[in-house]
C-alpha atoms as a PDB file:
ATOM      1  CA  MET A   1      -4.745  -7.790  14.416  1.00  0.00           C
ATOM      2  CA  ARG A   2      -7.386  -5.172  13.758  1.00  0.00           C
ATOM      3  CA  ILE A   3      -9.395  -5.543  10.557  1.00  0.00           C
ATOM      4  CA  SER A   4     -10.779  -2.071   9.911  1.00  0.00           C
ATOM      5  CA  SER A   5     -13.365  -1.046   7.336  1.00  0.00           C
ATOM      6  CA  LYS A   6     -10.548   0.750   5.503  1.00  0.00           C
ATOM      7  CA  SER A   7      -8.734  -2.615   5.187  1.00  0.00           C
ATOM      8  CA  LYS A   8     -11.876  -4.260   3.830  1.00  0.00           C
ATOM      9  CA  ILE A   9     -12.386  -1.470   1.287  1.00  0.00           C
ATOM     10  CA  ALA A  10      -8.718  -1.570   0.240  1.00  0.00           C
ATOM     11  CA  PHE A  11      -8.950  -5.330  -0.375  1.00  0.00           C
ATOM     12  CA  GLN A  12     -12.156  -4.882  -2.419  1.00  0.00           C
ATOM     13  CA  ILE A  13     -10.470  -2.163  -4.464  1.00  0.00           C
ATOM     14  CA  LEU A  14      -7.436  -4.378  -5.056  1.00  0.00           C
ATOM     15  CA  LEU A  15      -9.733  -7.191  -6.198  1.00  0.00           C
ATOM     16  CA  ASP A  16     -11.348  -4.844  -8.711  1.00  0.00           C
ATOM     17  CA  ILE A  17      -7.963  -3.596  -9.940  1.00  0.00           C
ATOM     18  CA  ALA A  18      -6.644  -7.180 -10.142  1.00  0.00           C
ATOM     19  CA  ALA A  19      -9.615  -8.281 -12.268  1.00  0.00           C
ATOM     20  CA  HIS A  20      -9.091  -5.379 -14.668  1.00  0.00           C
ATOM     21  CA  THR A  21      -5.323  -5.953 -14.763  1.00  0.00           C
ATOM     22  CA  ALA A  22      -5.911  -9.602 -15.664  1.00  0.00           C
ATOM     23  CA  HIS A  23      -7.858  -8.366 -18.714  1.00  0.00           C
ATOM     24  CA  GLY A  24      -5.099  -5.880 -19.632  1.00  0.00           C
ATOM     25  CA  ARG A  25      -7.046  -2.857 -18.483  1.00  0.00           C
ATOM     26  CA  ALA A  26      -6.472  -0.016 -16.042  1.00  0.00           C
ATOM     27  CA  ILE A  27      -9.283   1.444 -13.968  1.00  0.00           C
ATOM     28  CA  SER A  28      -9.565   5.059 -12.795  1.00  0.00           C
ATOM     29  CA  ILE A  29     -10.507   6.492  -9.424  1.00  0.00           C
ATOM     30  CA  PRO A  30     -13.774   8.118 -10.677  1.00  0.00           C
ATOM     31  CA  ILE A  31     -14.959   4.748 -12.008  1.00  0.00           C
ATOM     32  CA  MET A  32     -13.993   3.104  -8.706  1.00  0.00           C
ATOM     33  CA  CYS A  33     -15.904   5.804  -6.801  1.00  0.00           C
ATOM     34  CA  HIS A  34     -19.005   4.998  -8.806  1.00  0.00           C
ATOM     35  CA  ARG A  35     -18.603   1.218  -8.528  1.00  0.00           C
ATOM     36  CA  HIS A  36     -17.932   1.167  -4.774  1.00  0.00           C
ATOM     37  CA  LYS A  37     -20.033   4.224  -3.859  1.00  0.00           C
ATOM     38  CA  LEU A  38     -17.157   5.945  -2.036  1.00  0.00           C
ATOM     39  CA  SER A  39     -15.894   9.520  -2.086  1.00  0.00           C
ATOM     40  CA  HIS A  40     -13.070  10.516  -4.390  1.00  0.00           C
ATOM     41  CA  SER A  41     -10.909  11.927  -1.575  1.00  0.00           C
ATOM     42  CA  TYR A  42     -11.279   8.762   0.545  1.00  0.00           C
ATOM     43  CA  LEU A  43     -10.264   6.562  -2.382  1.00  0.00           C
ATOM     44  CA  GLU A  44      -7.301   8.827  -3.150  1.00  0.00           C
ATOM     45  CA  THR A  45      -5.919   8.246   0.352  1.00  0.00           C
ATOM     46  CA  ILE A  46      -6.262   4.488  -0.044  1.00  0.00           C
ATOM     47  CA  PHE A  47      -4.768   4.563  -3.551  1.00  0.00           C
ATOM     48  CA  SER A  48      -1.797   6.607  -2.370  1.00  0.00           C
ATOM     49  CA  GLN A  49      -1.058   4.083   0.396  1.00  0.00           C
ATOM     50  CA  LEU A  50      -1.326   1.195  -2.075  1.00  0.00           C
ATOM     51  CA  ARG A  51       0.906   3.013  -4.567  1.00  0.00           C
ATOM     52  CA  VAL A  52       3.582   3.824  -1.971  1.00  0.00           C
ATOM     53  CA  ALA A  53       3.548   0.175  -0.852  1.00  0.00           C
ATOM     54  CA  GLY A  54       4.200  -0.847  -4.467  1.00  0.00           C
ATOM     55  CA  MET A  55       0.976  -2.806  -4.913  1.00  0.00           C
ATOM     56  CA  ILE A  56      -0.457  -0.653  -7.706  1.00  0.00           C
ATOM     57  CA  ARG A  57       0.874   1.697 -10.353  1.00  0.00           C
ATOM     58  CA  SER A  58      -0.707   4.478 -12.334  1.00  0.00           C
ATOM     59  CA  HIS A  59      -1.066   4.887 -16.078  1.00  0.00           C
ATOM     60  CA  ARG A  60      -1.315   8.416 -17.430  1.00  0.00           C
ATOM     61  CA  GLY A  61      -3.199   9.764 -20.385  1.00  0.00           C
ATOM     62  CA  PRO A  62      -6.617   9.172 -21.879  1.00  0.00           C
ATOM     63  CA  GLY A  63      -8.031   5.949 -20.557  1.00  0.00           C
ATOM     64  CA  GLY A  64      -5.413   5.887 -17.826  1.00  0.00           C
ATOM     65  CA  GLY A  65      -5.943   4.559 -14.370  1.00  0.00           C
ATOM     66  CA  TYR A  66      -4.426   2.019 -12.026  1.00  0.00           C
ATOM     67  CA  SER A  67      -3.257  -1.556 -12.393  1.00  0.00           C
ATOM     68  CA  LEU A  68      -1.443  -4.024 -10.166  1.00  0.00           C
ATOM     69  CA  SER A  69       2.323  -3.669 -10.049  1.00  0.00           C
ATOM     70  CA  LYS A  70       2.737  -7.084  -8.407  1.00  0.00           C
ATOM     71  CA  GLU A  71       1.311 -10.454  -9.319  1.00  0.00           C
ATOM     72  CA  SER A  72      -2.084 -11.077  -7.686  1.00  0.00           C
ATOM     73  CA  LYS A  73      -0.686 -14.207  -6.002  1.00  0.00           C
ATOM     74  CA  ASP A  74       1.916 -12.033  -4.235  1.00  0.00           C
ATOM     75  CA  ILE A  75      -0.597  -9.774  -2.446  1.00  0.00           C
ATOM     76  CA  SER A  76      -2.304 -11.261   0.595  1.00  0.00           C
ATOM     77  CA  LEU A  77      -5.095 -10.053   2.832  1.00  0.00           C
ATOM     78  CA  TYR A  78      -2.512  -9.865   5.622  1.00  0.00           C
ATOM     79  CA  ASP A  79      -0.405  -7.407   3.570  1.00  0.00           C
ATOM     80  CA  VAL A  80      -3.402  -5.153   3.013  1.00  0.00           C
ATOM     81  CA  VAL A  81      -4.561  -5.234   6.642  1.00  0.00           C
ATOM     82  CA  CYS A  82      -1.055  -4.424   7.910  1.00  0.00           C
ATOM     83  CA  LEU A  83      -0.693  -1.618   5.356  1.00  0.00           C
ATOM     84  CA  MET A  84      -3.978  -0.029   6.378  1.00  0.00           C
ATOM     85  CA  GLY A  85      -2.953   0.062  10.036  1.00  0.00           C
ATOM     86  CA  GLY A  86      -4.087  -3.295  11.338  1.00  0.00           C
ATOM     87  CA  ASN A  87      -1.175  -3.772  13.712  1.00  0.00           C
ATOM     88  CA  GLU A  88      -2.331  -3.217  17.227  1.00  0.00           C
ATOM     89  CA  ILE A  89      -0.292  -3.071  20.420  1.00  0.00           C
ATOM     90  CA  VAL A  90      -1.208  -5.986  22.673  1.00  0.00           C
ATOM     91  CA  ARG A  91      -1.467  -5.042  26.329  1.00  0.00           C
ATOM     92  CA  GLU A  92      -0.433  -7.434  29.032  1.00  0.00           C
ATOM     93  CA  ASP A  93      -3.414  -8.707  30.980  1.00  0.00           C
ATOM     94  CA  LEU A  94      -4.914 -12.012  32.065  1.00  0.00           C
ATOM     95  CA  GLY A  95      -6.157 -12.993  28.605  1.00  0.00           C
ATOM     96  CA  SER A  96      -3.177 -11.697  26.609  1.00  0.00           C
ATOM     97  CA  ILE A  97      -1.861 -15.203  25.855  1.00  0.00           C
ATOM     98  CA  PHE A  98      -5.251 -16.222  24.449  1.00  0.00           C
ATOM     99  CA  TRP A  99      -5.483 -13.082  22.289  1.00  0.00           C
ATOM    100  CA  SER A 100      -1.893 -13.433  21.161  1.00  0.00           C
ATOM    101  CA  ASP A 101      -2.516 -17.028  20.021  1.00  0.00           C
ATOM    102  CA  LEU A 102      -5.696 -15.986  18.219  1.00  0.00           C
ATOM    103  CA  ASP A 103      -3.825 -13.125  16.550  1.00  0.00           C
ATOM    104  CA  LYS A 104      -1.103 -15.510  15.306  1.00  0.00           C
ATOM    105  CA  HIS A 105      -3.729 -17.900  13.942  1.00  0.00           C
ATOM    106  CA  MET A 106      -5.554 -15.060  12.147  1.00  0.00           C
ATOM    107  CA  SER A 107      -2.289 -13.776  10.692  1.00  0.00           C
ATOM    108  CA  ILE A 108      -1.426 -17.196   9.274  1.00  0.00           C
ATOM    109  CA  GLN A 109      -4.886 -17.554   7.728  1.00  0.00           C
ATOM    110  CA  MET A 110      -4.792 -14.050   6.205  1.00  0.00           C
ATOM    111  CA  GLN A 111      -1.321 -14.640   4.725  1.00  0.00           C
ATOM    112  CA  GLN A 112      -2.741 -17.597   2.825  1.00  0.00           C
ATOM    113  CA  MET A 113      -5.620 -15.552   1.340  1.00  0.00           C
ATOM    114  CA  THR A 114      -4.275 -13.912  -1.825  1.00  0.00           C
ATOM    115  CA  LEU A 115      -5.899 -11.767  -4.486  1.00  0.00           C
ATOM    116  CA  SER A 116      -5.604 -14.535  -7.076  1.00  0.00           C
ATOM    117  CA  GLU A 117      -7.365 -16.998  -4.761  1.00  0.00           C
ATOM    118  CA  ALA A 118     -10.165 -14.517  -4.084  1.00  0.00           C
ATOM    119  CA  LEU A 119     -10.525 -13.727  -7.808  1.00  0.00           C
ATOM    120  CA  GLN A 120     -11.104 -17.403  -8.544  1.00  0.00           C
ATOM    121  CA  LYS A 121     -14.049 -17.435  -6.135  1.00  0.00           C
ATOM    122  CA  LEU A 122     -15.600 -14.142  -7.299  1.00  0.00           C
ATOM    123  CA  SER A 123     -17.148 -12.822 -10.467  1.00  0.00           C
ATOM    124  CA  ILE A 124     -16.169  -9.191 -11.075  1.00  0.00           C
ATOM    125  CA  THR A 125     -17.671  -7.224 -13.957  1.00  0.00           C
ATOM    126  CA  ILE A 126     -15.031  -5.574 -16.127  1.00  0.00           C
ATOM    127  CA  GLU A 127     -15.778  -1.936 -16.855  1.00  0.00           C
ATOM    128  CA  GLN A 128     -16.147  -1.548 -20.629  1.00  0.00           C
ATOM    129  CA  SER A 129     -15.261   2.145 -20.555  1.00  0.00           C
ATOM    130  CA  THR A 130     -11.709   1.343 -19.441  1.00  0.00           C
ATOM    131  CA  LYS A 131      -8.971   1.082 -22.009  1.00  0.00           C
ATOM    132  CA  GLY A 132      -6.070  -1.297 -22.251  1.00  0.00           C
ATOM    133  CA  PHE A 133      -2.540  -0.444 -21.249  1.00  0.00           C
ATOM    134  CA  ASN A 134       0.871  -1.685 -22.217  1.00  0.00           C
ATOM    135  CA  HIS A 135       1.712  -4.130 -19.480  1.00  0.00           C
ATOM    136  CA  VAL A 136       5.446  -3.708 -18.930  1.00  0.00           C
ATOM    137  CA  LYS A 137       7.042  -5.472 -16.024  1.00  0.00           C
ATOM    138  CA  PRO A 138       9.013  -3.143 -13.727  1.00  0.00           C
ATOM    139  CA  SER A 139      12.224  -5.132 -14.212  1.00  0.00           C
ATOM    140  CA  HIS A 140      12.419  -4.264 -17.916  1.00  0.00           C
ATOM    141  CA  VAL A 141      14.324  -1.079 -18.689  1.00  0.00           C
ATOM    142  CA  THR A 142      13.462   0.772 -21.850  1.00  0.00           C
ATOM    143  CA  GLN A 143      16.301   2.446 -23.717  1.00  0.00           C
ATOM    144  CA  VAL A 144      15.815   6.011 -24.883  1.00  0.00           C
ATOM    145  CA  LEU A 145      17.437   6.691 -28.232  1.00  0.00           C
ATOM    146  CA  ALA A 146      18.932  10.112 -28.869  1.00  0.00           C
ATOM    147  CA  ILE A 147      17.720  11.961 -31.970  1.00  0.00           C
ATOM    148  CA  PRO A 148      20.635  12.906 -34.252  1.00  0.00           C
ATOM    149  CA  GLN A 149      21.341  16.631 -34.571  1.00  0.00           C
ATOM    150  CA  LYS A 150      20.491  16.688 -38.299  1.00  0.00           C
ATOM    151  CA  LYS A 151      16.958  15.396 -37.708  1.00  0.00           C
ATOM    152  CA  ARG A 152      16.367  17.986 -34.997  1.00  0.00           C
ATOM    153  CA  ALA A 153      17.242  20.766 -37.412  1.00  0.00           C
ATOM    154  CA  LEU A 154      14.739  19.450 -39.965  1.00  0.00           C
ATOM    155  CA  LYS A 155      11.790  19.918 -37.620  1.00  0.00           C
ATOM    156  CA  LYS A 156       9.747  22.925 -38.589  1.00  0.00           C
ATOM    157  CA  ALA A 157       9.481  25.498 -35.828  1.00  0.00           C
ATOM    158  CA  LYS A 158       5.951  26.554 -34.941  1.00  0.00           C
ATOM    159  CA  PRO A 159       5.318  30.287 -35.206  1.00  0.00           C
ATOM    160  CA  ARG A 160       4.617  32.026 -31.891  1.00  0.00           C
ATOM    161  CA  LEU A 161       1.163  33.486 -31.960  1.00  0.00           C
ATOM    162  CA  GLY A 162       1.483  35.444 -28.729  1.00  0.00           C
ATOM    163  CA  PRO A 163       2.307  35.117 -25.053  1.00  0.00           C
ATOM    164  CA  ASN A 164       1.684  31.700 -23.529  1.00  0.00           C
ATOM    165  CA  SER A 165       0.741  32.795 -20.015  1.00  0.00           C
ATOM    166  CA  VAL A 166      -1.002  35.585 -18.153  1.00  0.00           C
ATOM    167  CA  PHE A 167       2.333  36.878 -16.877  1.00  0.00           C
ATOM    168  CA  ALA A 168       3.891  36.911 -20.333  1.00  0.00           C
ATOM    169  CA  PHE A 169       0.772  38.689 -21.614  1.00  0.00           C
ATOM    170  CA  GLY A 170       1.202  41.372 -18.910  1.00  0.00           C
ATOM    171  CA  ASN A 171       4.833  41.872 -19.910  1.00  0.00           C
ATOM    172  CA  TYR A 172       3.753  42.005 -23.568  1.00  0.00           C
ATOM    173  CA  LEU A 173       1.245  44.756 -22.775  1.00  0.00           C
ATOM    174  CA  LYS A 174       3.905  46.752 -20.858  1.00  0.00           C
ATOM    175  CA  THR A 175       6.269  46.718 -23.842  1.00  0.00           C
ATOM    176  CA  SER A 176       3.598  47.639 -26.440  1.00  0.00           C
END
């Protein structure tokens, strides 16, 4: 098991996201860059891996950002280390049994270390500039209601003031 600096950073980021999620808030990448003093592009790569793994989800719009998509008790240090490339091929040599046993012991210990356990031991400052989000569990399905045809007809159409793109403007100039 290889614990890289990327794994350590990913776990710190998840702790920060978990603390904000517990307060009903989402936190954005620019705020995380400032808080952890990391580059935006580096954090985007970590966030994309966490999002693909289903650990976090994004919230769009003003005050949007990221929150946990799983319960904090369901994400362990072991999950994060494995996700960030901590699995290492063990070569056969004289000490391979010793290293294999140590690796198993470390894996068991890391599986027991969850985000919720770490949050209980830490004090994380909640960013006041973040806004709340509607915390909807992924299992709930929202039903979209169709608007009746009569109500659609009642909507007032906005007058077109001109072309809405550079290409449409070029075509407009050709026809004038």
